[in-house]
Structures are given as structure tokens and as C-alpha cells.
Amino acid sequence: MLGLYIGAFLGMLSETSMNIALPDLVDEFSVSSGTAQWMVVGYMLAIGVALPYVGFLLRWVKAKTLVMAASTDR
């Protein structure tokens, strides 16, 4: 259970850190601040769209298998 809490916390932390990193994104990608804000919105939208599908995946795949597949580097 502690692992699930840590995973949820890290998910929220990544979304928050994207907003904090806006000036660095603007400098690194040489884009305007508006474009960098859209990049952050796109990142959060991708997470928001993918999150409900995890519930459907859990019907067919064990949670441990899904977590292991999601956390491996390929």
C-alpha cells in the first residue's frame, strides 16, 4: 500500500514540477512562454487520458504485472 501512495505522490509531483520548470523549458527548447505552457497542458492531458484506461487494463492484467511493465525502460 505504501508503494501505491508513493506512486500517486510522484505522479502529482511530476505534474507540479512541470509548472515550476516553465522557464527552463522556454530556454531549452527556444520557444515562447505560451508554447511552453501548452507543452505542460499537453503533458497533463496525456496523463488524464491514459489514467482511465489503467482501470480497464486492471480487469485483464494483474496490477503487479502492469506496474512492472510500466516502470521498465525499453
PDB file of N, CA and C in Angstrom:
ATOM      1  N   MET A   1       0.827  -1.189   0.000  1.00  0.00           N
ATOM      2  CA  MET A   1       0.000   0.000   0.000  1.00  0.00           C
ATOM      3  C   MET A   1       0.868   1.248   0.000  1.00  0.00           C
ATOM      4  N   LEU A   2       1.974   1.184   0.718  1.00  0.00           N
ATOM      5  CA  LEU A   2       2.873   2.331   0.753  1.00  0.00           C
ATOM      6  C   LEU A   2       3.410   2.634  -0.643  1.00  0.00           C
ATOM      7  N   GLY A   3       3.679   1.591  -1.427  1.00  0.00           N
ATOM      8  CA  GLY A   3       4.158   1.781  -2.798  1.00  0.00           C
ATOM      9  C   GLY A   3       3.147   2.516  -3.663  1.00  0.00           C
ATOM     10  N   LEU A   4       1.864   2.211  -3.472  1.00  0.00           N
ATOM     11  CA  LEU A   4       0.821   2.902  -4.224  1.00  0.00           C
ATOM     12  C   LEU A   4       0.736   4.370  -3.831  1.00  0.00           C
ATOM     13  N   TYR A   5       0.875   4.639  -2.540  1.00  0.00           N
ATOM     14  CA  TYR A   5       0.844   6.030  -2.091  1.00  0.00           C
ATOM     15  C   TYR A   5       2.029   6.813  -2.656  1.00  0.00           C
ATOM     16  N   ILE A   6       3.186   6.197  -2.655  1.00  0.00           N
ATOM     17  CA  ILE A   6       4.380   6.867  -3.191  1.00  0.00           C
ATOM     18  C   ILE A   6       4.219   7.096  -4.688  1.00  0.00           C
ATOM     19  N   GLY A   7       3.676   6.113  -5.405  1.00  0.00           N
ATOM     20  CA  GLY A   7       3.448   6.273  -6.836  1.00  0.00           C
ATOM     21  C   GLY A   7       2.478   7.399  -7.147  1.00  0.00           C
ATOM     22  N   ALA A   8       1.408   7.498  -6.386  1.00  0.00           N
ATOM     23  CA  ALA A   8       0.432   8.571  -6.589  1.00  0.00           C
ATOM     24  C   ALA A   8       1.048   9.932  -6.276  1.00  0.00           C
ATOM     25  N   PHE A   9       1.848   9.979  -5.218  1.00  0.00           N
ATOM     26  CA  PHE A   9       2.509  11.233  -4.858  1.00  0.00           C
ATOM     27  C   PHE A   9       3.473  11.665  -5.951  1.00  0.00           C
ATOM     28  N   LEU A  10       4.235  10.738  -6.493  1.00  0.00           N
ATOM     29  CA  LEU A  10       5.192  11.076  -7.540  1.00  0.00           C
ATOM     30  C   LEU A  10       4.492  11.526  -8.816  1.00  0.00           C
ATOM     31  N   GLY A  11       3.320  10.973  -9.090  1.00  0.00           N
ATOM     32  CA  GLY A  11       2.546  11.433 -10.241  1.00  0.00           C
ATOM     33  C   GLY A  11       2.127  12.886 -10.096  1.00  0.00           C
ATOM     34  N   MET A  12       1.628  13.236  -8.924  1.00  0.00           N
ATOM     35  CA  MET A  12       1.247  14.631  -8.682  1.00  0.00           C
ATOM     36  C   MET A  12       2.469  15.536  -8.658  1.00  0.00           C
ATOM     37  N   LEU A  13       3.564  15.035  -8.153  1.00  0.00           N
ATOM     38  CA  LEU A  13       4.793  15.826  -8.106  1.00  0.00           C
ATOM     39  C   LEU A  13       5.302  16.128  -9.512  1.00  0.00           C
ATOM     40  N   SER A  14       5.195  15.159 -10.417  1.00  0.00           N
ATOM     41  CA  SER A  14       5.676  15.393 -11.781  1.00  0.00           C
ATOM     42  C   SER A  14       4.839  16.460 -12.477  1.00  0.00           C
ATOM     43  N   GLU A  15       3.537  16.460 -12.247  1.00  0.00           N
ATOM     44  CA  GLU A  15       2.681  17.488 -12.842  1.00  0.00           C
ATOM     45  C   GLU A  15       3.010  18.867 -12.272  1.00  0.00           C
ATOM     46  N   THR A  16       3.249  18.943 -10.988  1.00  0.00           N
ATOM     47  CA  THR A  16       3.581  20.216 -10.362  1.00  0.00           C
ATOM     48  C   THR A  16       4.950  20.708 -10.808  1.00  0.00           C
ATOM     49  N   SER A  17       5.898  19.795 -10.933  1.00  0.00           N
ATOM     50  CA  SER A  17       7.245  20.205 -11.322  1.00  0.00           C
ATOM     51  C   SER A  17       7.289  20.717 -12.755  1.00  0.00           C
ATOM     52  N   MET A  18       6.360  20.284 -13.606  1.00  0.00           N
ATOM     53  CA  MET A  18       6.311  20.811 -14.974  1.00  0.00           C
ATOM     54  C   MET A  18       6.032  22.306 -14.953  1.00  0.00           C
ATOM     55  N   ASN A  19       5.152  22.761 -14.078  1.00  0.00           N
ATOM     56  CA  ASN A  19       4.868  24.191 -13.985  1.00  0.00           C
ATOM     57  C   ASN A  19       6.059  24.958 -13.433  1.00  0.00           C
ATOM     58  N   ILE A  20       6.789  24.357 -12.519  1.00  0.00           N
ATOM     59  CA  ILE A  20       7.957  25.015 -11.961  1.00  0.00           C
ATOM     60  C   ILE A  20       9.072  25.110 -12.999  1.00  0.00           C
ATOM     61  N   ALA A  21       9.124  24.148 -13.904  1.00  0.00           N
ATOM     62  CA  ALA A  21      10.191  24.088 -14.903  1.00  0.00           C
ATOM     63  C   ALA A  21       9.904  24.931 -16.142  1.00  0.00           C
ATOM     64  N   LEU A  22       8.844  25.707 -16.153  1.00  0.00           N
ATOM     65  CA  LEU A  22       8.500  26.502 -17.334  1.00  0.00           C
ATOM     66  C   LEU A  22       9.645  27.386 -17.837  1.00  0.00           C
ATOM     67  N   PRO A  23      10.325  28.146 -16.987  1.00  0.00           N
ATOM     68  CA  PRO A  23      11.429  28.975 -17.515  1.00  0.00           C
ATOM     69  C   PRO A  23      12.540  28.136 -18.149  1.00  0.00           C
ATOM     70  N   ASP A  24      12.824  26.987 -17.578  1.00  0.00           N
ATOM     71  CA  ASP A  24      13.857  26.121 -18.159  1.00  0.00           C
ATOM     72  C   ASP A  24      13.401  25.535 -19.491  1.00  0.00           C
ATOM     73  N   LEU A  25      12.118  25.194 -19.609  1.00  0.00           N
ATOM     74  CA  LEU A  25      11.594  24.689 -20.869  1.00  0.00           C
ATOM     75  C   LEU A  25      11.676  25.746 -21.967  1.00  0.00           C
ATOM     76  N   VAL A  26      11.367  26.978 -21.603  1.00  0.00           N
ATOM     77  CA  VAL A  26      11.441  28.071 -22.572  1.00  0.00           C
ATOM     78  C   VAL A  26      12.873  28.228 -23.072  1.00  0.00           C
ATOM     79  N   ASP A  27      13.835  28.198 -22.169  1.00  0.00           N
ATOM     80  CA  ASP A  27      15.236  28.353 -22.567  1.00  0.00           C
ATOM     81  C   ASP A  27      15.745  27.146 -23.349  1.00  0.00           C
ATOM     82  N   GLU A  28      15.419  25.952 -22.889  1.00  0.00           N
ATOM     83  CA  GLU A  28      15.957  24.731 -23.510  1.00  0.00           C
ATOM     84  C   GLU A  28      15.436  24.513 -24.927  1.00  0.00           C
ATOM     85  N   PHE A  29      14.140  24.750 -25.130  1.00  0.00           N
ATOM     86  CA  PHE A  29      13.545  24.492 -26.439  1.00  0.00           C
ATOM     87  C   PHE A  29      13.435  25.745 -27.308  1.00  0.00           C
ATOM     88  N   SER A  30      13.858  26.887 -26.786  1.00  0.00           N
ATOM     89  CA  SER A  30      13.822  28.166 -27.525  1.00  0.00           C
ATOM     90  C   SER A  30      12.418  28.453 -28.062  1.00  0.00           C
ATOM     91  N   VAL A  31      11.442  28.384 -27.168  1.00  0.00           N
ATOM     92  CA  VAL A  31      10.051  28.652 -27.527  1.00  0.00           C
ATOM     93  C   VAL A  31       9.524  29.766 -26.637  1.00  0.00           C
ATOM     94  N   SER A  32       8.358  30.287 -26.992  1.00  0.00           N
ATOM     95  CA  SER A  32       7.744  31.325 -26.168  1.00  0.00           C
ATOM     96  C   SER A  32       7.143  30.700 -24.905  1.00  0.00           C
ATOM     97  N   SER A  33       6.812  31.541 -23.955  1.00  0.00           N
ATOM     98  CA  SER A  33       6.234  31.025 -22.708  1.00  0.00           C
ATOM     99  C   SER A  33       4.857  30.410 -22.959  1.00  0.00           C
ATOM    100  N   GLY A  34       4.113  30.950 -23.918  1.00  0.00           N
ATOM    101  CA  GLY A  34       2.806  30.372 -24.255  1.00  0.00           C
ATOM    102  C   GLY A  34       2.932  28.960 -24.809  1.00  0.00           C
ATOM    103  N   THR A  35       3.932  28.739 -25.653  1.00  0.00           N
ATOM    104  CA  THR A  35       4.159  27.399 -26.203  1.00  0.00           C
ATOM    105  C   THR A  35       4.576  26.428 -25.110  1.00  0.00           C
ATOM    106  N   ALA A  36       5.409  26.890 -24.185  1.00  0.00           N
ATOM    107  CA  ALA A  36       5.824  26.031 -23.073  1.00  0.00           C
ATOM    108  C   ALA A  36       4.633  25.679 -22.187  1.00  0.00           C
ATOM    109  N   GLN A  37       3.725  26.611 -21.997  1.00  0.00           N
ATOM    110  CA  GLN A  37       2.525  26.322 -21.212  1.00  0.00           C
ATOM    111  C   GLN A  37       1.661  25.281 -21.914  1.00  0.00           C
ATOM    112  N   TRP A  38       1.574  25.353 -23.246  1.00  0.00           N
ATOM    113  CA  TRP A  38       0.823  24.345 -23.987  1.00  0.00           C
ATOM    114  C   TRP A  38       1.495  22.986 -23.890  1.00  0.00           C
ATOM    115  N   MET A  39       2.823  22.955 -23.804  1.00  0.00           N
ATOM    116  CA  MET A  39       3.525  21.681 -23.615  1.00  0.00           C
ATOM    117  C   MET A  39       3.133  21.061 -22.286  1.00  0.00           C
ATOM    118  N   VAL A  40       3.044  21.869 -21.246  1.00  0.00           N
ATOM    119  CA  VAL A  40       2.643  21.367 -19.930  1.00  0.00           C
ATOM    120  C   VAL A  40       1.195  20.885 -19.969  1.00  0.00           C
ATOM    121  N   VAL A  41       0.319  21.642 -20.622  1.00  0.00           N
ATOM    122  CA  VAL A  41      -1.080  21.230 -20.739  1.00  0.00           C
ATOM    123  C   VAL A  41      -1.186  19.911 -21.510  1.00  0.00           C
ATOM    124  N   GLY A  42      -0.401  19.762 -22.566  1.00  0.00           N
ATOM    125  CA  GLY A  42      -0.400  18.519 -23.330  1.00  0.00           C
ATOM    126  C   GLY A  42       0.067  17.335 -22.499  1.00  0.00           C
ATOM    127  N   TYR A  43       1.093  17.564 -21.673  1.00  0.00           N
ATOM    128  CA  TYR A  43       1.589  16.518 -20.779  1.00  0.00           C
ATOM    129  C   TYR A  43       0.507  16.086 -19.796  1.00  0.00           C
ATOM    130  N   MET A  44      -0.167  17.048 -19.182  1.00  0.00           N
ATOM    131  CA  MET A  44      -1.223  16.723 -18.219  1.00  0.00           C
ATOM    132  C   MET A  44      -2.427  16.083 -18.910  1.00  0.00           C
ATOM    133  N   LEU A  45      -2.716  16.524 -20.131  1.00  0.00           N
ATOM    134  CA  LEU A  45      -3.828  15.932 -20.878  1.00  0.00           C
ATOM    135  C   LEU A  45      -3.530  14.482 -21.227  1.00  0.00           C
ATOM    136  N   ALA A  46      -2.306  14.190 -21.611  1.00  0.00           N
ATOM    137  CA  ALA A  46      -1.932  12.802 -21.920  1.00  0.00           C
ATOM    138  C   ALA A  46      -2.081  11.914 -20.691  1.00  0.00           C
ATOM    139  N   ILE A  47      -1.683  12.420 -19.538  1.00  0.00           N
ATOM    140  CA  ILE A  47      -1.846  11.652 -18.307  1.00  0.00           C
ATOM    141  C   ILE A  47      -3.330  11.472 -17.987  1.00  0.00           C
ATOM    142  N   GLY A  48      -4.101  12.539 -18.143  1.00  0.00           N
ATOM    143  CA  GLY A  48      -5.532  12.473 -17.851  1.00  0.00           C
ATOM    144  C   GLY A  48      -6.286  11.533 -18.769  1.00  0.00           C
ATOM    145  N   VAL A  49      -5.846  11.404 -20.014  1.00  0.00           N
ATOM    146  CA  VAL A  49      -6.497  10.488 -20.947  1.00  0.00           C
ATOM    147  C   VAL A  49      -6.075   9.049 -20.670  1.00  0.00           C
ATOM    148  N   ALA A  50      -4.805   8.845 -20.344  1.00  0.00           N
ATOM    149  CA  ALA A  50      -4.296   7.489 -20.129  1.00  0.00           C
ATOM    150  C   ALA A  50      -4.756   6.889 -18.802  1.00  0.00           C
ATOM    151  N   LEU A  51      -4.986   7.718 -17.815  1.00  0.00           N
ATOM    152  CA  LEU A  51      -5.321   7.223 -16.482  1.00  0.00           C
ATOM    153  C   LEU A  51      -6.585   6.359 -16.428  1.00  0.00           C
ATOM    154  N   PRO A  52      -7.688   6.739 -17.069  1.00  0.00           N
ATOM    155  CA  PRO A  52      -8.873   5.868 -17.009  1.00  0.00           C
ATOM    156  C   PRO A  52      -8.659   4.498 -17.653  1.00  0.00           C
ATOM    157  N   TYR A  53      -7.781   4.427 -18.642  1.00  0.00           N
ATOM    158  CA  TYR A  53      -7.539   3.143 -19.305  1.00  0.00           C
ATOM    159  C   TYR A  53      -6.830   2.154 -18.392  1.00  0.00           C
ATOM    160  N   VAL A  54      -6.154   2.652 -17.388  1.00  0.00           N
ATOM    161  CA  VAL A  54      -5.489   1.758 -16.443  1.00  0.00           C
ATOM    162  C   VAL A  54      -6.526   0.918 -15.709  1.00  0.00           C
ATOM    163  N   GLY A  55      -7.648   1.512 -15.376  1.00  0.00           N
ATOM    164  CA  GLY A  55      -8.723   0.760 -14.722  1.00  0.00           C
ATOM    165  C   GLY A  55      -9.226  -0.377 -15.591  1.00  0.00           C
ATOM    166  N   PHE A  56      -9.352  -0.131 -16.899  1.00  0.00           N
ATOM    167  CA  PHE A  56      -9.767  -1.196 -17.809  1.00  0.00           C
ATOM    168  C   PHE A  56      -8.688  -2.259 -17.942  1.00  0.00           C
ATOM    169  N   LEU A  57      -7.428  -1.840 -17.968  1.00  0.00           N
ATOM    170  CA  LEU A  57      -6.332  -2.801 -18.071  1.00  0.00           C
ATOM    171  C   LEU A  57      -6.264  -3.711 -16.855  1.00  0.00           C
ATOM    172  N   LEU A  58      -6.606  -3.177 -15.693  1.00  0.00           N
ATOM    173  CA  LEU A  58      -6.541  -3.972 -14.472  1.00  0.00           C
ATOM    174  C   LEU A  58      -7.566  -5.108 -14.461  1.00  0.00           C
ATOM    175  N   ARG A  59      -8.556  -5.040 -15.325  1.00  0.00           N
ATOM    176  CA  ARG A  59      -9.517  -6.151 -15.410  1.00  0.00           C
ATOM    177  C   ARG A  59      -8.885  -7.381 -16.053  1.00  0.00           C
ATOM    178  N   TRP A  60      -7.909  -7.153 -16.946  1.00  0.00           N
ATOM    179  CA  TRP A  60      -7.323  -8.267 -17.686  1.00  0.00           C
ATOM    180  C   TRP A  60      -5.904  -8.598 -17.269  1.00  0.00           C
ATOM    181  N   VAL A  61      -5.211  -7.659 -16.654  1.00  0.00           N
ATOM    182  CA  VAL A  61      -3.809  -7.851 -16.284  1.00  0.00           C
ATOM    183  C   VAL A  61      -3.678  -7.626 -14.785  1.00  0.00           C
ATOM    184  N   LYS A  62      -2.835  -8.416 -14.133  1.00  0.00           N
ATOM    185  CA  LYS A  62      -2.601  -8.222 -12.706  1.00  0.00           C
ATOM    186  C   LYS A  62      -1.906  -6.882 -12.471  1.00  0.00           C
ATOM    187  N   ALA A  63      -2.192  -6.270 -11.325  1.00  0.00           N
ATOM    188  CA  ALA A  63      -1.623  -4.963 -11.004  1.00  0.00           C
ATOM    189  C   ALA A  63      -0.098  -5.019 -10.960  1.00  0.00           C
ATOM    190  N   LYS A  64       0.448  -6.079 -10.399  1.00  0.00           N
ATOM    191  CA  LYS A  64       1.902  -6.202 -10.313  1.00  0.00           C
ATOM    192  C   LYS A  64       2.527  -6.240 -11.701  1.00  0.00           C
ATOM    193  N   THR A  65       1.934  -6.985 -12.610  1.00  0.00           N
ATOM    194  CA  THR A  65       2.439  -7.082 -13.973  1.00  0.00           C
ATOM    195  C   THR A  65       2.353  -5.734 -14.675  1.00  0.00           C
ATOM    196  N   LEU A  66       1.275  -5.012 -14.470  1.00  0.00           N
ATOM    197  CA  LEU A  66       1.099  -3.704 -15.103  1.00  0.00           C
ATOM    198  C   LEU A  66       2.110  -2.694 -14.573  1.00  0.00           C
ATOM    199  N   VAL A  67       2.349  -2.688 -13.268  1.00  0.00           N
ATOM    200  CA  VAL A  67       3.322  -1.767 -12.682  1.00  0.00           C
ATOM    201  C   VAL A  67       4.731  -2.085 -13.173  1.00  0.00           C
ATOM    202  N   MET A  68       5.063  -3.374 -13.222  1.00  0.00           N
ATOM    203  CA  MET A  68       6.390  -3.774 -13.689  1.00  0.00           C
ATOM    204  C   MET A  68       6.588  -3.405 -15.163  1.00  0.00           C
ATOM    205  N   ALA A  69       5.567  -3.582 -15.981  1.00  0.00           N
ATOM    206  CA  ALA A  69       5.671  -3.236 -17.399  1.00  0.00           C
ATOM    207  C   ALA A  69       5.804  -1.732 -17.587  1.00  0.00           C
ATOM    208  N   ALA A  70       5.111  -0.958 -16.763  1.00  0.00           N
ATOM    209  CA  ALA A  70       5.148   0.489 -16.900  1.00  0.00           C
ATOM    210  C   ALA A  70       6.460   1.090 -16.393  1.00  0.00           C
ATOM    211  N   SER A  71       7.119   0.420 -15.480  1.00  0.00           N
ATOM    212  CA  SER A  71       8.322   1.002 -14.883  1.00  0.00           C
ATOM    213  C   SER A  71       9.625   0.498 -15.488  1.00  0.00           C
ATOM    214  N   THR A  72       9.551  -0.380 -16.488  1.00  0.00           N
ATOM    215  CA  THR A  72      10.786  -0.858 -17.105  1.00  0.00           C
ATOM    216  C   THR A  72      11.182   0.064 -18.260  1.00  0.00           C
ATOM    217  N   ASP A  73      12.472   0.229 -18.447  1.00  0.00           N
ATOM    218  CA  ASP A  73      12.986   1.024 -19.560  1.00  0.00           C
ATOM    219  C   ASP A  73      13.108   0.148 -20.784  1.00  0.00           C
ATOM    220  N   ARG A  74      12.598   0.644 -21.872  1.00  0.00           N
ATOM    221  CA  ARG A  74      12.688  -0.107 -23.135  1.00  0.00           C
ATOM    222  C   ARG A  74      13.241   0.759 -24.200  1.00  0.00           C
TER     223      ARG A  74
END
